Amino acid sequence: MERRRARAKERQTKGENSGQEATINDIQDRVRQQFYENNDYKRYVDSRGNAHWLIAEEYDWRMKHRKRSQKHRSSYSGIGKRQTRMRAVNIAVVVVAILAGLMVLHESM
């Protein structure tokens, strides 16, 4: 019974410590964000969702690069449509060939 009480006490102190750590982490995050904002850094979120604080020049370069890559990506959307149409046509040809084969097989019996 005593052992159970000791383990419960340990869990309780761990919970209190994790609460203190969370508070410390929140304060550190706020101080870090305030530092970056005071020194004219800009917050950039990359394609994976990771946030980075960048100097203005690098932020501008990345945004310009992102715009360029978006334009490049949109030019390929027509190829995807053509491929989808070709797949549909190929499937239709296969279905017609199967039906014709079944009709010939049915007539020969």
N, C-alpha and C. Protein backbone atom coordinates (compact mmCIF):
# COMPACT_ATOMS: atom_id res chain seq x y z
N MET A 1 0.82 -1.19 0.00
CA MET A 1 0.00 0.00 0.00
C MET A 1 0.88 1.27 0.00
N GLU A 2 1.94 1.18 0.76
CA GLU A 2 2.85 2.32 0.86
C GLU A 2 3.52 2.61 -0.49
N ARG A 3 3.83 1.54 -1.19
CA ARG A 3 4.45 1.69 -2.50
C ARG A 3 3.52 2.40 -3.48
N ARG A 4 2.24 2.06 -3.41
CA ARG A 4 1.25 2.69 -4.27
C ARG A 4 1.15 4.19 -3.99
N ARG A 5 1.20 4.56 -2.73
CA ARG A 5 1.14 5.98 -2.35
C ARG A 5 2.37 6.73 -2.87
N ALA A 6 3.52 6.09 -2.79
CA ALA A 6 4.76 6.72 -3.26
C ALA A 6 4.71 6.95 -4.76
N ARG A 7 4.20 5.95 -5.50
CA ARG A 7 4.08 6.12 -6.96
C ARG A 7 3.08 7.22 -7.31
N ALA A 8 1.99 7.29 -6.58
CA ALA A 8 1.00 8.34 -6.82
C ALA A 8 1.61 9.71 -6.57
N LYS A 9 2.42 9.81 -5.52
CA LYS A 9 3.08 11.07 -5.20
C LYS A 9 4.05 11.47 -6.32
N GLU A 10 4.78 10.47 -6.86
CA GLU A 10 5.70 10.74 -7.97
C GLU A 10 4.96 11.27 -9.18
N ARG A 11 3.84 10.63 -9.51
CA ARG A 11 3.06 11.07 -10.67
C ARG A 11 2.55 12.49 -10.47
N GLN A 12 2.17 12.83 -9.26
CA GLN A 12 1.66 14.16 -8.98
C GLN A 12 2.75 15.21 -9.17
N THR A 13 3.96 14.93 -8.70
CA THR A 13 5.05 15.90 -8.87
C THR A 13 5.46 16.01 -10.33
N LYS A 14 5.40 14.89 -11.09
CA LYS A 14 5.69 14.95 -12.53
C LYS A 14 4.70 15.85 -13.23
N GLY A 15 3.43 15.76 -12.87
CA GLY A 15 2.40 16.60 -13.48
C GLY A 15 2.64 18.07 -13.19
N GLU A 16 3.05 18.37 -11.96
CA GLU A 16 3.34 19.77 -11.61
C GLU A 16 4.54 20.28 -12.38
N ASN A 17 5.57 19.44 -12.53
CA ASN A 17 6.76 19.84 -13.28
C ASN A 17 6.44 20.08 -14.75
N SER A 18 5.61 19.23 -15.35
CA SER A 18 5.29 19.42 -16.76
C SER A 18 4.48 20.71 -16.94
N GLY A 19 3.67 21.07 -15.97
CA GLY A 19 2.93 22.34 -16.03
C GLY A 19 3.89 23.52 -15.97
N GLN A 20 4.90 23.41 -15.10
CA GLN A 20 5.90 24.48 -14.99
C GLN A 20 6.71 24.57 -16.28
N GLU A 21 7.06 23.42 -16.85
CA GLU A 21 7.81 23.42 -18.10
C GLU A 21 7.00 24.04 -19.23
N ALA A 22 5.71 23.75 -19.26
CA ALA A 22 4.86 24.34 -20.29
C ALA A 22 4.81 25.85 -20.14
N THR A 23 4.72 26.33 -18.91
CA THR A 23 4.70 27.77 -18.67
C THR A 23 6.02 28.41 -19.10
N ILE A 24 7.13 27.75 -18.77
CA ILE A 24 8.44 28.27 -19.16
C ILE A 24 8.57 28.29 -20.68
N ASN A 25 8.11 27.23 -21.34
CA ASN A 25 8.18 27.19 -22.81
C ASN A 25 7.33 28.29 -23.43
N ASP A 26 6.15 28.55 -22.86
CA ASP A 26 5.30 29.63 -23.38
C ASP A 26 5.99 30.98 -23.26
N ILE A 27 6.62 31.21 -22.11
CA ILE A 27 7.32 32.48 -21.90
C ILE A 27 8.49 32.60 -22.87
N GLN A 28 9.24 31.51 -23.05
CA GLN A 28 10.37 31.54 -24.00
C GLN A 28 9.89 31.82 -25.41
N ASP A 29 8.78 31.21 -25.81
CA ASP A 29 8.24 31.45 -27.15
C ASP A 29 7.84 32.91 -27.33
N ARG A 30 7.20 33.49 -26.30
CA ARG A 30 6.80 34.89 -26.39
C ARG A 30 8.00 35.82 -26.49
N VAL A 31 9.02 35.55 -25.69
CA VAL A 31 10.23 36.38 -25.71
C VAL A 31 10.93 36.26 -27.07
N ARG A 32 11.01 35.02 -27.58
CA ARG A 32 11.63 34.79 -28.89
C ARG A 32 10.86 35.54 -29.98
N GLN A 33 9.54 35.45 -29.97
CA GLN A 33 8.73 36.13 -30.98
C GLN A 33 8.89 37.65 -30.87
N GLN A 34 8.92 38.15 -29.65
CA GLN A 34 9.09 39.59 -29.46
C GLN A 34 10.46 40.05 -29.98
N PHE A 35 11.49 39.25 -29.75
CA PHE A 35 12.82 39.58 -30.26
C PHE A 35 12.81 39.68 -31.77
N TYR A 36 12.24 38.67 -32.43
CA TYR A 36 12.22 38.66 -33.89
C TYR A 36 11.42 39.84 -34.44
N GLU A 37 10.30 40.14 -33.81
CA GLU A 37 9.48 41.26 -34.30
C GLU A 37 10.20 42.59 -34.09
N ASN A 38 10.89 42.74 -32.98
CA ASN A 38 11.61 43.99 -32.70
C ASN A 38 12.79 44.19 -33.65
N ASN A 39 13.37 43.11 -34.16
CA ASN A 39 14.53 43.20 -35.05
C ASN A 39 14.14 43.04 -36.52
N ASP A 40 12.90 43.27 -36.85
CA ASP A 40 12.39 43.29 -38.23
C ASP A 40 12.55 41.98 -38.96
N TYR A 41 12.39 40.89 -38.25
CA TYR A 41 12.33 39.58 -38.91
C TYR A 41 10.89 39.34 -39.35
N LYS A 42 10.72 38.53 -40.38
CA LYS A 42 9.38 38.20 -40.85
C LYS A 42 9.15 36.70 -40.69
N ARG A 43 7.94 36.35 -40.33
CA ARG A 43 7.61 34.94 -40.12
C ARG A 43 7.23 34.32 -41.46
N TYR A 44 7.89 33.22 -41.81
CA TYR A 44 7.66 32.53 -43.07
C TYR A 44 7.27 31.10 -42.77
N VAL A 45 6.20 30.63 -43.39
CA VAL A 45 5.77 29.25 -43.22
C VAL A 45 6.04 28.53 -44.54
N ASP A 46 6.87 27.48 -44.49
CA ASP A 46 7.24 26.78 -45.72
C ASP A 46 6.16 25.78 -46.12
N SER A 47 6.42 25.05 -47.19
CA SER A 47 5.42 24.14 -47.75
C SER A 47 5.08 22.99 -46.81
N ARG A 48 5.95 22.68 -45.89
CA ARG A 48 5.69 21.60 -44.92
C ARG A 48 4.95 22.10 -43.69
N GLY A 49 4.77 23.41 -43.58
CA GLY A 49 4.07 23.97 -42.43
C GLY A 49 4.99 24.40 -41.31
N ASN A 50 6.30 24.36 -41.54
CA ASN A 50 7.26 24.79 -40.52
C ASN A 50 7.40 26.30 -40.57
N ALA A 51 7.41 26.93 -39.41
CA ALA A 51 7.54 28.38 -39.34
C ALA A 51 9.01 28.75 -39.15
N HIS A 52 9.46 29.75 -39.91
CA HIS A 52 10.83 30.25 -39.82
C HIS A 52 10.78 31.77 -39.69
N TRP A 53 11.72 32.33 -38.94
CA TRP A 53 11.86 33.77 -38.87
C TRP A 53 13.02 34.16 -39.77
N LEU A 54 12.75 35.00 -40.76
CA LEU A 54 13.75 35.36 -41.76
C LEU A 54 13.97 36.86 -41.80
N ILE A 55 15.18 37.26 -42.23
CA ILE A 55 15.41 38.68 -42.46
C ILE A 55 14.60 39.09 -43.69
N ALA A 56 14.36 40.36 -43.84
CA ALA A 56 13.48 40.86 -44.89
C ALA A 56 13.95 40.45 -46.28
N GLU A 57 15.25 40.49 -46.54
CA GLU A 57 15.75 40.15 -47.87
C GLU A 57 15.47 38.69 -48.22
N GLU A 58 15.74 37.80 -47.28
CA GLU A 58 15.52 36.38 -47.56
C GLU A 58 14.02 36.09 -47.68
N TYR A 59 13.21 36.77 -46.86
CA TYR A 59 11.76 36.59 -46.94
C TYR A 59 11.25 37.00 -48.32
N ASP A 60 11.70 38.16 -48.80
CA ASP A 60 11.29 38.62 -50.12
C ASP A 60 11.73 37.65 -51.21
N TRP A 61 12.97 37.14 -51.12
CA TRP A 61 13.45 36.19 -52.11
C TRP A 61 12.60 34.93 -52.12
N ARG A 62 12.29 34.41 -50.93
CA ARG A 62 11.48 33.18 -50.87
C ARG A 62 10.07 33.41 -51.40
N MET A 63 9.50 34.56 -51.11
CA MET A 63 8.16 34.84 -51.61
C MET A 63 8.17 34.99 -53.13
N LYS A 64 9.21 35.61 -53.68
CA LYS A 64 9.34 35.73 -55.13
C LYS A 64 9.50 34.34 -55.75
N HIS A 65 10.32 33.51 -55.12
CA HIS A 65 10.54 32.14 -55.59
C HIS A 65 9.24 31.34 -55.52
N ARG A 66 8.47 31.52 -54.46
CA ARG A 66 7.20 30.81 -54.31
C ARG A 66 6.22 31.21 -55.41
N LYS A 67 6.16 32.50 -55.72
CA LYS A 67 5.26 32.96 -56.78
C LYS A 67 5.67 32.37 -58.12
N ARG A 68 6.99 32.35 -58.38
CA ARG A 68 7.47 31.77 -59.63
C ARG A 68 7.11 30.30 -59.74
N SER A 69 7.28 29.56 -58.66
CA SER A 69 7.00 28.13 -58.72
C SER A 69 5.51 27.87 -58.85
N GLN A 70 4.66 28.75 -58.29
CA GLN A 70 3.22 28.58 -58.45
C GLN A 70 2.81 28.81 -59.90
N LYS A 71 3.41 29.80 -60.55
CA LYS A 71 3.12 30.03 -61.97
C LYS A 71 3.54 28.83 -62.79
N HIS A 72 4.71 28.28 -62.47
CA HIS A 72 5.24 27.13 -63.20
C HIS A 72 4.33 25.92 -63.00
N ARG A 73 3.86 25.73 -61.79
CA ARG A 73 3.03 24.58 -61.48
C ARG A 73 1.68 24.67 -62.20
N SER A 74 1.11 25.87 -62.28
CA SER A 74 -0.20 26.00 -62.91
C SER A 74 -0.15 25.74 -64.41
N SER A 75 1.02 25.92 -65.04
CA SER A 75 1.11 25.70 -66.48
C SER A 75 1.00 24.22 -66.82
N TYR A 76 1.22 23.34 -65.86
CA TYR A 76 1.14 21.91 -66.11
C TYR A 76 -0.24 21.33 -65.85
N SER A 77 -1.18 22.13 -65.42
CA SER A 77 -2.50 21.59 -65.10
C SER A 77 -3.20 21.06 -66.36
N GLY A 78 -2.90 21.61 -67.55
CA GLY A 78 -3.49 21.12 -68.79
C GLY A 78 -3.06 19.70 -69.12
N ILE A 79 -1.83 19.36 -68.78
CA ILE A 79 -1.34 18.01 -69.03
C ILE A 79 -2.13 17.00 -68.22
N GLY A 80 -2.45 17.33 -67.00
CA GLY A 80 -3.24 16.43 -66.16
C GLY A 80 -4.62 16.20 -66.73
N LYS A 81 -5.22 17.23 -67.29
CA LYS A 81 -6.55 17.09 -67.91
C LYS A 81 -6.47 16.18 -69.15
N ARG A 82 -5.41 16.38 -69.94
CA ARG A 82 -5.25 15.55 -71.14
C ARG A 82 -5.04 14.09 -70.76
N GLN A 83 -4.25 13.85 -69.73
CA GLN A 83 -4.02 12.47 -69.30
C GLN A 83 -5.32 11.83 -68.81
N THR A 84 -6.14 12.58 -68.11
CA THR A 84 -7.41 12.06 -67.63
C THR A 84 -8.32 11.70 -68.80
N ARG A 85 -8.36 12.58 -69.81
CA ARG A 85 -9.17 12.29 -71.00
C ARG A 85 -8.67 11.04 -71.71
N MET A 86 -7.35 10.91 -71.85
CA MET A 86 -6.79 9.75 -72.53
C MET A 86 -7.10 8.46 -71.77
N ARG A 87 -7.07 8.51 -70.45
CA ARG A 87 -7.42 7.34 -69.66
C ARG A 87 -8.87 6.95 -69.90
N ALA A 88 -9.75 7.95 -69.94
CA ALA A 88 -11.17 7.68 -70.17
C ALA A 88 -11.38 7.04 -71.54
N VAL A 89 -10.69 7.56 -72.55
CA VAL A 89 -10.81 7.01 -73.90
C VAL A 89 -10.28 5.58 -73.92
N ASN A 90 -9.14 5.34 -73.29
CA ASN A 90 -8.57 3.98 -73.25
C ASN A 90 -9.51 3.00 -72.55
N ILE A 91 -10.11 3.42 -71.47
CA ILE A 91 -11.06 2.55 -70.76
C ILE A 91 -12.26 2.25 -71.64
N ALA A 92 -12.75 3.27 -72.35
CA ALA A 92 -13.89 3.06 -73.24
C ALA A 92 -13.54 2.07 -74.34
N VAL A 93 -12.35 2.18 -74.91
CA VAL A 93 -11.92 1.26 -75.97
C VAL A 93 -11.85 -0.17 -75.43
N VAL A 94 -11.33 -0.35 -74.25
CA VAL A 94 -11.24 -1.68 -73.64
C VAL A 94 -12.63 -2.25 -73.41
N VAL A 95 -13.55 -1.44 -72.92
CA VAL A 95 -14.92 -1.91 -72.67
C VAL A 95 -15.58 -2.33 -73.98
N VAL A 96 -15.42 -1.52 -75.03
CA VAL A 96 -16.01 -1.85 -76.33
C VAL A 96 -15.40 -3.15 -76.86
N ALA A 97 -14.09 -3.32 -76.70
CA ALA A 97 -13.44 -4.54 -77.18
C ALA A 97 -13.95 -5.76 -76.43
N ILE A 98 -14.15 -5.65 -75.15
CA ILE A 98 -14.68 -6.77 -74.36
C ILE A 98 -16.10 -7.10 -74.80
N LEU A 99 -16.92 -6.08 -74.99
CA LEU A 99 -18.29 -6.32 -75.44
C LEU A 99 -18.32 -6.97 -76.81
N ALA A 100 -17.47 -6.51 -77.74
CA ALA A 100 -17.42 -7.12 -79.08
C ALA A 100 -16.96 -8.56 -78.98
N GLY A 101 -16.01 -8.86 -78.16
CA GLY A 101 -15.54 -10.22 -77.96
C GLY A 101 -16.65 -11.11 -77.41
N LEU A 102 -17.40 -10.59 -76.45
CA LEU A 102 -18.51 -11.37 -75.89
C LEU A 102 -19.60 -11.63 -76.93
N MET A 103 -19.87 -10.62 -77.79
CA MET A 103 -20.89 -10.81 -78.82
C MET A 103 -20.44 -11.88 -79.81
N VAL A 104 -19.17 -11.84 -80.23
CA VAL A 104 -18.67 -12.85 -81.18
C VAL A 104 -18.71 -14.23 -80.51
N LEU A 105 -18.36 -14.33 -79.28
CA LEU A 105 -18.37 -15.59 -78.57
C LEU A 105 -19.80 -16.12 -78.43
N HIS A 106 -20.75 -15.23 -78.17
CA HIS A 106 -22.15 -15.63 -78.01
C HIS A 106 -22.76 -16.14 -79.33
N GLU A 107 -22.39 -15.47 -80.45
CA GLU A 107 -22.90 -15.86 -81.77
C GLU A 107 -22.33 -17.18 -82.22
N SER A 108 -21.11 -17.49 -81.83
CA SER A 108 -20.50 -18.74 -82.26
C SER A 108 -21.04 -19.96 -81.52
N MET A 109 -21.77 -19.77 -80.47
CA MET A 109 -22.31 -20.91 -79.72
C MET A 109 -23.61 -21.30 -80.26
